[in-house]
PDB file of N, CA and C in Angstrom:
ATOM      1  N   MET A   1     111.573  81.278  99.016  1.00  0.00           N
ATOM      2  CA  MET A   1     110.148  81.301  98.835  1.00  0.00           C
ATOM      3  C   MET A   1     109.741  80.532  97.575  1.00  0.00           C
ATOM      4  N   PHE A   2     110.393  80.782  96.441  1.00  0.00           N
ATOM      5  CA  PHE A   2     110.088  80.083  95.195  1.00  0.00           C
ATOM      6  C   PHE A   2     111.207  79.099  94.887  1.00  0.00           C
ATOM      7  N   ARG A   3     110.844  77.878  94.512  1.00  0.00           N
ATOM      8  CA  ARG A   3     111.856  76.890  94.130  1.00  0.00           C
ATOM      9  C   ARG A   3     111.233  75.903  93.154  1.00  0.00           C
ATOM     10  N   LEU A   4     112.092  75.306  92.340  1.00  0.00           N
ATOM     11  CA  LEU A   4     111.614  74.308  91.386  1.00  0.00           C
ATOM     12  C   LEU A   4     111.455  72.961  92.065  1.00  0.00           C
ATOM     13  N   GLN A   5     110.407  72.274  91.715  1.00  0.00           N
ATOM     14  CA  GLN A   5     110.170  70.892  92.134  1.00  0.00           C
ATOM     15  C   GLN A   5     110.137  70.102  90.825  1.00  0.00           C
ATOM     16  N   GLY A   6     111.300  69.709  90.341  1.00  0.00           N
ATOM     17  CA  GLY A   6     111.401  69.171  88.989  1.00  0.00           C
ATOM     18  C   GLY A   6     111.495  70.343  88.026  1.00  0.00           C
ATOM     19  N   SER A   7     111.303  70.105  86.753  1.00  0.00           N
ATOM     20  CA  SER A   7     111.428  71.192  85.775  1.00  0.00           C
ATOM     21  C   SER A   7     110.086  71.811  85.396  1.00  0.00           C
ATOM     22  N   LYS A   8     108.980  71.217  85.854  1.00  0.00           N
ATOM     23  CA  LYS A   8     107.665  71.685  85.420  1.00  0.00           C
ATOM     24  C   LYS A   8     106.731  72.071  86.564  1.00  0.00           C
ATOM     25  N   THR A   9     107.249  72.042  87.788  1.00  0.00           N
ATOM     26  CA  THR A   9     106.422  72.387  88.945  1.00  0.00           C
ATOM     27  C   THR A   9     107.148  73.410  89.800  1.00  0.00           C
ATOM     28  N   LEU A  10     106.431  74.456  90.181  1.00  0.00           N
ATOM     29  CA  LEU A  10     106.962  75.499  91.040  1.00  0.00           C
ATOM     30  C   LEU A  10     106.431  75.292  92.450  1.00  0.00           C
ATOM     31  N   ALA A  11     107.330  75.216  93.416  1.00  0.00           N
ATOM     32  CA  ALA A  11     106.949  75.113  94.827  1.00  0.00           C
ATOM     33  C   ALA A  11     107.100  76.492  95.454  1.00  0.00           C
ATOM     34  N   VAL A  12     106.070  76.934  96.159  1.00  0.00           N
ATOM     35  CA  VAL A  12     106.094  78.237  96.818  1.00  0.00           C
ATOM     36  C   VAL A  12     105.880  78.014  98.309  1.00  0.00           C
ATOM     37  N   ASP A  13     106.885  78.378  99.097  1.00  0.00           N
ATOM     38  CA  ASP A  13     106.790  78.252 100.550  1.00  0.00           C
ATOM     39  C   ASP A  13     106.191  79.538 101.110  1.00  0.00           C
ATOM     40  N   LEU A  14     105.044  79.418 101.759  1.00  0.00           N
ATOM     41  CA  LEU A  14     104.341  80.575 102.309  1.00  0.00           C
ATOM     42  C   LEU A  14     104.423  80.561 103.830  1.00  0.00           C
ATOM     43  N   THR A  15     104.644  81.732 104.399  1.00  0.00           N
ATOM     44  CA  THR A  15     104.706  81.877 105.853  1.00  0.00           C
ATOM     45  C   THR A  15     103.781  83.003 106.297  1.00  0.00           C
ATOM     46  N   GLY A  16     102.536  82.943 105.843  1.00  0.00           N
ATOM     47  CA  GLY A  16     101.570  83.975 106.185  1.00  0.00           C
ATOM     48  C   GLY A  16     101.422  85.042 105.124  1.00  0.00           C
ATOM     49  N   ASP A  17     102.281  85.036 104.120  1.00  0.00           N
ATOM     50  CA  ASP A  17     102.186  86.011 103.051  1.00  0.00           C
ATOM     51  C   ASP A  17     101.283  85.490 101.939  1.00  0.00           C
ATOM     52  N   ALA A  18     101.186  86.240 100.844  1.00  0.00           N
ATOM     53  CA  ALA A  18     100.303  85.850  99.742  1.00  0.00           C
ATOM     54  C   ALA A  18     101.033  85.971  98.413  1.00  0.00           C
ATOM     55  N   VAL A  19     100.636  85.151  97.453  1.00  0.00           N
ATOM     56  CA  VAL A  19     101.133  85.229  96.082  1.00  0.00           C
ATOM     57  C   VAL A  19      99.939  85.160  95.141  1.00  0.00           C
ATOM     58  N   LYS A  20     100.137  85.643  93.935  1.00  0.00           N
ATOM     59  CA  LYS A  20      99.106  85.535  92.905  1.00  0.00           C
ATOM     60  C   LYS A  20      99.565  84.517  91.876  1.00  0.00           C
ATOM     61  N   ALA A  21      98.623  83.730  91.385  1.00  0.00           N
ATOM     62  CA  ALA A  21      98.937  82.682  90.416  1.00  0.00           C
ATOM     63  C   ALA A  21      97.801  82.566  89.412  1.00  0.00           C
ATOM     64  N   LYS A  22      98.112  82.003  88.268  1.00  0.00           N
ATOM     65  CA  LYS A  22      97.093  81.757  87.251  1.00  0.00           C
ATOM     66  C   LYS A  22      96.025  80.825  87.818  1.00  0.00           C
ATOM     67  N   ASN A  23      94.776  81.201  87.632  1.00  0.00           N
ATOM     68  CA  ASN A  23      93.671  80.391  88.129  1.00  0.00           C
ATOM     69  C   ASN A  23      93.738  78.990  87.522  1.00  0.00           C
ATOM     70  N   GLY A  24      93.661  77.972  88.367  1.00  0.00           N
ATOM     71  CA  GLY A  24      93.703  76.594  87.900  1.00  0.00           C
ATOM     72  C   GLY A  24      95.083  75.985  87.830  1.00  0.00           C
ATOM     73  N   SER A  25      96.127  76.746  88.203  1.00  0.00           N
ATOM     74  CA  SER A  25      97.488  76.214  88.100  1.00  0.00           C
ATOM     75  C   SER A  25      97.947  75.480  89.359  1.00  0.00           C
ATOM     76  N   MET A  26      97.203  75.566  90.455  1.00  0.00           N
ATOM     77  CA  MET A  26      97.578  74.883  91.687  1.00  0.00           C
ATOM     78  C   MET A  26      97.332  73.393  91.511  1.00  0.00           C
ATOM     79  N   VAL A  27      98.373  72.596  91.764  1.00  0.00           N
ATOM     80  CA  VAL A  27      98.233  71.145  91.617  1.00  0.00           C
ATOM     81  C   VAL A  27      98.227  70.417  92.956  1.00  0.00           C
ATOM     82  N   ALA A  28      98.787  71.032  93.994  1.00  0.00           N
ATOM     83  CA  ALA A  28      98.792  70.415  95.325  1.00  0.00           C
ATOM     84  C   ALA A  28      99.214  71.467  96.342  1.00  0.00           C
ATOM     85  N   TYR A  29      98.907  71.188  97.603  1.00  0.00           N
ATOM     86  CA  TYR A  29      99.420  72.034  98.674  1.00  0.00           C
ATOM     87  C   TYR A  29      99.534  71.226  99.954  1.00  0.00           C
ATOM     88  N   ASP A  30     100.396  71.700 100.840  1.00  0.00           N
ATOM     89  CA  ASP A  30     100.612  71.062 102.129  1.00  0.00           C
ATOM     90  C   ASP A  30     100.625  72.171 103.171  1.00  0.00           C
ATOM     91  N   GLY A  31      99.689  72.150 104.089  1.00  0.00           N
ATOM     92  CA  GLY A  31      99.591  73.187 105.103  1.00  0.00           C
ATOM     93  C   GLY A  31      98.201  73.798 105.110  1.00  0.00           C
ATOM     94  N   ARG A  32      98.119  75.007 105.631  1.00  0.00           N
ATOM     95  CA  ARG A  32      96.838  75.713 105.727  1.00  0.00           C
ATOM     96  C   ARG A  32      96.842  76.868 104.733  1.00  0.00           C
ATOM     97  N   MET A  33      96.077  76.732 103.667  1.00  0.00           N
ATOM     98  CA  MET A  33      96.034  77.727 102.600  1.00  0.00           C
ATOM     99  C   MET A  33      94.609  78.223 102.402  1.00  0.00           C
ATOM    100  N   THR A  34      94.516  79.451 101.922  1.00  0.00           N
ATOM    101  CA  THR A  34      93.235  79.972 101.451  1.00  0.00           C
ATOM    102  C   THR A  34      93.433  80.412 100.011  1.00  0.00           C
ATOM    103  N   PHE A  35      92.413  80.217  99.206  1.00  0.00           N
ATOM    104  CA  PHE A  35      92.459  80.535  97.784  1.00  0.00           C
ATOM    105  C   PHE A  35      91.325  81.499  97.477  1.00  0.00           C
ATOM    106  N   LYS A  36      91.665  82.614  96.824  1.00  0.00           N
ATOM    107  CA  LYS A  36      90.661  83.618  96.497  1.00  0.00           C
ATOM    108  C   LYS A  36      90.757  83.934  95.009  1.00  0.00           C
ATOM    109  N   LYS A  37      89.676  83.698  94.280  1.00  0.00           N
ATOM    110  CA  LYS A  37      89.653  84.014  92.852  1.00  0.00           C
ATOM    111  C   LYS A  37      89.612  85.522  92.685  1.00  0.00           C
ATOM    112  N   MET A  38      90.447  86.024  91.789  1.00  0.00           N
ATOM    113  CA  MET A  38      90.504  87.458  91.524  1.00  0.00           C
ATOM    114  C   MET A  38      90.367  87.674  90.030  1.00  0.00           C
ATOM    115  N   SER A  39      89.865  88.837  89.670  1.00  0.00           N
ATOM    116  CA  SER A  39      89.819  89.195  88.254  1.00  0.00           C
ATOM    117  C   SER A  39      89.972  90.694  88.142  1.00  0.00           C
ATOM    118  N   GLY A  40      90.664  91.125  87.110  1.00  0.00           N
ATOM    119  CA  GLY A  40      90.878  92.542  86.901  1.00  0.00           C
ATOM    120  C   GLY A  40      89.572  93.265  86.633  1.00  0.00           C
ATOM    121  N   GLY A  41      89.468  94.495  87.118  1.00  0.00           N
ATOM    122  CA  GLY A  41      88.276  95.295  86.886  1.00  0.00           C
ATOM    123  C   GLY A  41      87.164  95.026  87.874  1.00  0.00           C
ATOM    124  N   GLY A  42      87.357  94.100  88.790  1.00  0.00           N
ATOM    125  CA  GLY A  42      86.328  93.809  89.777  1.00  0.00           C
ATOM    126  C   GLY A  42      85.366  92.743  89.304  1.00  0.00           C
ATOM    127  N   GLU A  43      84.391  92.477  90.136  1.00  0.00           N
ATOM    128  CA  GLU A  43      83.392  91.458  89.842  1.00  0.00           C
ATOM    129  C   GLU A  43      82.152  92.108  89.223  1.00  0.00           C
ATOM    130  N   GLY A  44      81.232  91.295  88.793  1.00  0.00           N
ATOM    131  CA  GLY A  44      79.954  91.785  88.295  1.00  0.00           C
ATOM    132  C   GLY A  44      80.026  92.352  86.893  1.00  0.00           C
ATOM    133  N   LEU A  45      78.975  93.074  86.518  1.00  0.00           N
ATOM    134  CA  LEU A  45      78.846  93.621  85.165  1.00  0.00           C
ATOM    135  C   LEU A  45      79.950  94.622  84.849  1.00  0.00           C
ATOM    136  N   ARG A  46      80.245  95.505  85.799  1.00  0.00           N
ATOM    137  CA  ARG A  46      81.287  96.502  85.559  1.00  0.00           C
ATOM    138  C   ARG A  46      82.641  95.827  85.307  1.00  0.00           C
ATOM    139  N   GLY A  47      82.973  94.814  86.107  1.00  0.00           N
ATOM    140  CA  GLY A  47      84.221  94.086  85.910  1.00  0.00           C
ATOM    141  C   GLY A  47      84.265  93.385  84.568  1.00  0.00           C
ATOM    142  N   MET A  48      83.134  92.791  84.164  1.00  0.00           N
ATOM    143  CA  MET A  48      83.073  92.108  82.876  1.00  0.00           C
ATOM    144  C   MET A  48      83.320  93.092  81.737  1.00  0.00           C
ATOM    145  N   VAL A  49      82.693  94.267  81.808  1.00  0.00           N
ATOM    146  CA  VAL A  49      82.872  95.284  80.763  1.00  0.00           C
ATOM    147  C   VAL A  49      84.322  95.762  80.738  1.00  0.00           C
ATOM    148  N   THR A  50      84.906  96.007  81.908  1.00  0.00           N
ATOM    149  CA  THR A  50      86.304  96.448  81.980  1.00  0.00           C
ATOM    150  C   THR A  50      87.237  95.414  81.367  1.00  0.00           C
ATOM    151  N   ARG A  51      87.048  94.133  81.712  1.00  0.00           N
ATOM    152  CA  ARG A  51      87.898  93.080  81.144  1.00  0.00           C
ATOM    153  C   ARG A  51      87.723  92.989  79.637  1.00  0.00           C
ATOM    154  N   ARG A  52      86.500  93.138  79.165  1.00  0.00           N
ATOM    155  CA  ARG A  52      86.233  93.068  77.725  1.00  0.00           C
ATOM    156  C   ARG A  52      86.919  94.224  77.002  1.00  0.00           C
ATOM    157  N   LEU A  53      86.850  95.435  77.568  1.00  0.00           N
ATOM    158  CA  LEU A  53      87.452  96.609  76.933  1.00  0.00           C
ATOM    159  C   LEU A  53      88.977  96.559  76.940  1.00  0.00           C
ATOM    160  N   THR A  54      89.557  96.006  77.984  1.00  0.00           N
ATOM    161  CA  THR A  54      91.019  95.956  78.078  1.00  0.00           C
ATOM    162  C   THR A  54      91.605  94.707  77.442  1.00  0.00           C
ATOM    163  N   GLY A  55      90.763  93.774  77.040  1.00  0.00           N
ATOM    164  CA  GLY A  55      91.244  92.546  76.426  1.00  0.00           C
ATOM    165  C   GLY A  55      91.779  91.544  77.429  1.00  0.00           C
ATOM    166  N   GLU A  56      91.524  91.777  78.710  1.00  0.00           N
ATOM    167  CA  GLU A  56      92.020  90.864  79.742  1.00  0.00           C
ATOM    168  C   GLU A  56      91.220  89.580  79.718  1.00  0.00           C
ATOM    169  N   GLN A  57      91.893  88.464  79.612  1.00  0.00           N
ATOM    170  CA  GLN A  57      91.232  87.167  79.538  1.00  0.00           C
ATOM    171  C   GLN A  57      91.592  86.261  80.709  1.00  0.00           C
ATOM    172  N   MET A  58      92.818  86.387  81.221  1.00  0.00           N
ATOM    173  CA  MET A  58      93.294  85.455  82.230  1.00  0.00           C
ATOM    174  C   MET A  58      92.811  85.857  83.625  1.00  0.00           C
ATOM    175  N   THR A  59      92.241  84.912  84.335  1.00  0.00           N
ATOM    176  CA  THR A  59      91.882  85.163  85.723  1.00  0.00           C
ATOM    177  C   THR A  59      92.995  84.641  86.618  1.00  0.00           C
ATOM    178  N   VAL A  60      93.165  85.287  87.736  1.00  0.00           N
ATOM    179  CA  VAL A  60      94.198  84.885  88.681  1.00  0.00           C
ATOM    180  C   VAL A  60      93.566  84.602  90.036  1.00  0.00           C
ATOM    181  N   MET A  61      94.329  83.937  90.873  1.00  0.00           N
ATOM    182  CA  MET A  61      93.883  83.685  92.236  1.00  0.00           C
ATOM    183  C   MET A  61      94.968  84.156  93.187  1.00  0.00           C
ATOM    184  N   GLU A  62      94.542  84.502  94.389  1.00  0.00           N
ATOM    185  CA  GLU A  62      95.482  84.862  95.437  1.00  0.00           C
ATOM    186  C   GLU A  62      95.548  83.703  96.416  1.00  0.00           C
ATOM    187  N   VAL A  63      96.748  83.248  96.689  1.00  0.00           N
ATOM    188  CA  VAL A  63      96.965  82.136  97.615  1.00  0.00           C
ATOM    189  C   VAL A  63      97.693  82.691  98.830  1.00  0.00           C
ATOM    190  N   SER A  64      97.165  82.411 100.004  1.00  0.00           N
ATOM    191  CA  SER A  64      97.821  82.867 101.228  1.00  0.00           C
ATOM    192  C   SER A  64      97.748  81.766 102.272  1.00  0.00           C
ATOM    193  N   GLY A  65      98.598  81.881 103.270  1.00  0.00           N
ATOM    194  CA  GLY A  65      98.572  80.903 104.347  1.00  0.00           C
ATOM    195  C   GLY A  65      99.952  80.478 104.790  1.00  0.00           C
ATOM    196  N   GLN A  66      99.998  79.299 105.381  1.00  0.00           N
ATOM    197  CA  GLN A  66     101.237  78.733 105.905  1.00  0.00           C
ATOM    198  C   GLN A  66     101.426  77.344 105.312  1.00  0.00           C
ATOM    199  N   GLY A  67     102.557  77.113 104.680  1.00  0.00           N
ATOM    200  CA  GLY A  67     102.834  75.810 104.092  1.00  0.00           C
ATOM    201  C   GLY A  67     103.460  75.946 102.721  1.00  0.00           C
ATOM    202  N   THR A  68     103.317  74.919 101.911  1.00  0.00           N
ATOM    203  CA  THR A  68     103.879  74.902 100.561  1.00  0.00           C
ATOM    204  C   THR A  68     102.775  74.640  99.555  1.00  0.00           C
ATOM    205  N   CYS A  69     102.763  75.442  98.501  1.00  0.00           N
ATOM    206  CA  CYS A  69     101.785  75.287  97.426  1.00  0.00           C
ATOM    207  C   CYS A  69     102.560  74.987  96.139  1.00  0.00           C
ATOM    208  N   TYR A  70     102.041  74.081  95.337  1.00  0.00           N
ATOM    209  CA  TYR A  70     102.708  73.647  94.107  1.00  0.00           C
ATOM    210  C   TYR A  70     101.878  74.068  92.899  1.00  0.00           C
ATOM    211  N   PHE A  71     102.555  74.647  91.902  1.00  0.00           N
ATOM    212  CA  PHE A  71     101.886  75.152  90.708  1.00  0.00           C
ATOM    213  C   PHE A  71     102.510  74.557  89.450  1.00  0.00           C
ATOM    214  N   ALA A  72     101.684  74.318  88.443  1.00  0.00           N
ATOM    215  CA  ALA A  72     102.144  73.878  87.122  1.00  0.00           C
ATOM    216  C   ALA A  72     101.119  74.361  86.107  1.00  0.00           C
ATOM    217  N   ASP A  73     101.568  74.592  84.882  1.00  0.00           N
ATOM    218  CA  ASP A  73     100.666  75.066  83.832  1.00  0.00           C
ATOM    219  C   ASP A  73     100.909  74.283  82.550  1.00  0.00           C
ATOM    220  N   ARG A  74     100.018  73.368  82.235  1.00  0.00           N
ATOM    221  CA  ARG A  74     100.039  72.595  80.993  1.00  0.00           C
ATOM    222  C   ARG A  74     101.392  71.953  80.708  1.00  0.00           C
ATOM    223  N   ALA A  75     102.052  71.455  81.726  1.00  0.00           N
ATOM    224  CA  ALA A  75     103.347  70.765  81.609  1.00  0.00           C
ATOM    225  C   ALA A  75     104.426  71.628  80.955  1.00  0.00           C
ATOM    226  N   SER A  76     104.328  72.954  81.128  1.00  0.00           N
ATOM    227  CA  SER A  76     105.340  73.868  80.589  1.00  0.00           C
ATOM    228  C   SER A  76     106.588  73.856  81.459  1.00  0.00           C
ATOM    229  N   GLU A  77     107.740  74.045  80.828  1.00  0.00           N
ATOM    230  CA  GLU A  77     108.998  74.171  81.563  1.00  0.00           C
ATOM    231  C   GLU A  77     108.993  75.500  82.316  1.00  0.00           C
ATOM    232  N   ILE A  78     109.604  75.515  83.492  1.00  0.00           N
ATOM    233  CA  ILE A  78     109.659  76.717  84.323  1.00  0.00           C
ATOM    234  C   ILE A  78     111.103  77.166  84.450  1.00  0.00           C
ATOM    235  N   ASN A  79     111.328  78.465  84.299  1.00  0.00           N
ATOM    236  CA  ASN A  79     112.644  79.066  84.507  1.00  0.00           C
ATOM    237  C   ASN A  79     112.520  80.101  85.612  1.00  0.00           C
ATOM    238  N   LEU A  80     113.315  79.965  86.665  1.00  0.00           N
ATOM    239  CA  LEU A  80     113.335  80.952  87.735  1.00  0.00           C
ATOM    240  C   LEU A  80     114.324  82.049  87.381  1.00  0.00           C
ATOM    241  N   VAL A  81     113.927  83.283  87.614  1.00  0.00           N
ATOM    242  CA  VAL A  81     114.785  84.434  87.364  1.00  0.00           C
ATOM    243  C   VAL A  81     114.966  85.165  88.686  1.00  0.00           C
ATOM    244  N   ALA A  82     116.200  85.285  89.149  1.00  0.00           N
ATOM    245  CA  ALA A  82     116.485  85.977  90.407  1.00  0.00           C
ATOM    246  C   ALA A  82     116.503  87.481  90.161  1.00  0.00           C
ATOM    247  N   LEU A  83     115.772  88.220  90.978  1.00  0.00           N
ATOM    248  CA  LEU A  83     115.741  89.677  90.897  1.00  0.00           C
ATOM    249  C   LEU A  83     116.421  90.237  92.137  1.00  0.00           C
ATOM    250  N   HIS A  84     117.189  91.289  91.959  1.00  0.00           N
ATOM    251  CA  HIS A  84     117.898  91.907  93.077  1.00  0.00           C
ATOM    252  C   HIS A  84     117.489  93.366  93.169  1.00  0.00           C
ATOM    253  N   GLY A  85     117.362  93.870  94.366  1.00  0.00           N
ATOM    254  CA  GLY A  85     116.974  95.257  94.562  1.00  0.00           C
ATOM    255  C   GLY A  85     115.469  95.392  94.647  1.00  0.00           C
ATOM    256  N   ASP A  86     114.998  96.621  94.492  1.00  0.00           N
ATOM    257  CA  ASP A  86     113.559  96.884  94.565  1.00  0.00           C
ATOM    258  C   ASP A  86     112.861  96.320  93.348  1.00  0.00           C
ATOM    259  N   THR A  87     111.787  95.586  93.586  1.00  0.00           N
ATOM    260  CA  THR A  87     111.019  95.003  92.483  1.00  0.00           C
ATOM    261  C   THR A  87     109.559  95.311  92.635  1.00  0.00           C
TER     262      THR A  87
END
């Protein structure tokens, strides 16, 4: 599902499932994808107050669909960490 495309781009192969990513980190995609902006605490005034109180600044998006989506963040190096068991 997750693989490196060079040292600074993450390729995510989607088969109908969804992943969350930093808003604005998608650089390309191939296939049929949907992108949904998400933010902690919900939308509107209540969400804004919740984010302000918790110090949450980063917005994320949910990407779902079929195909491959490519992500990068400010030309940062990416390290994949394999997890085994329940995560």
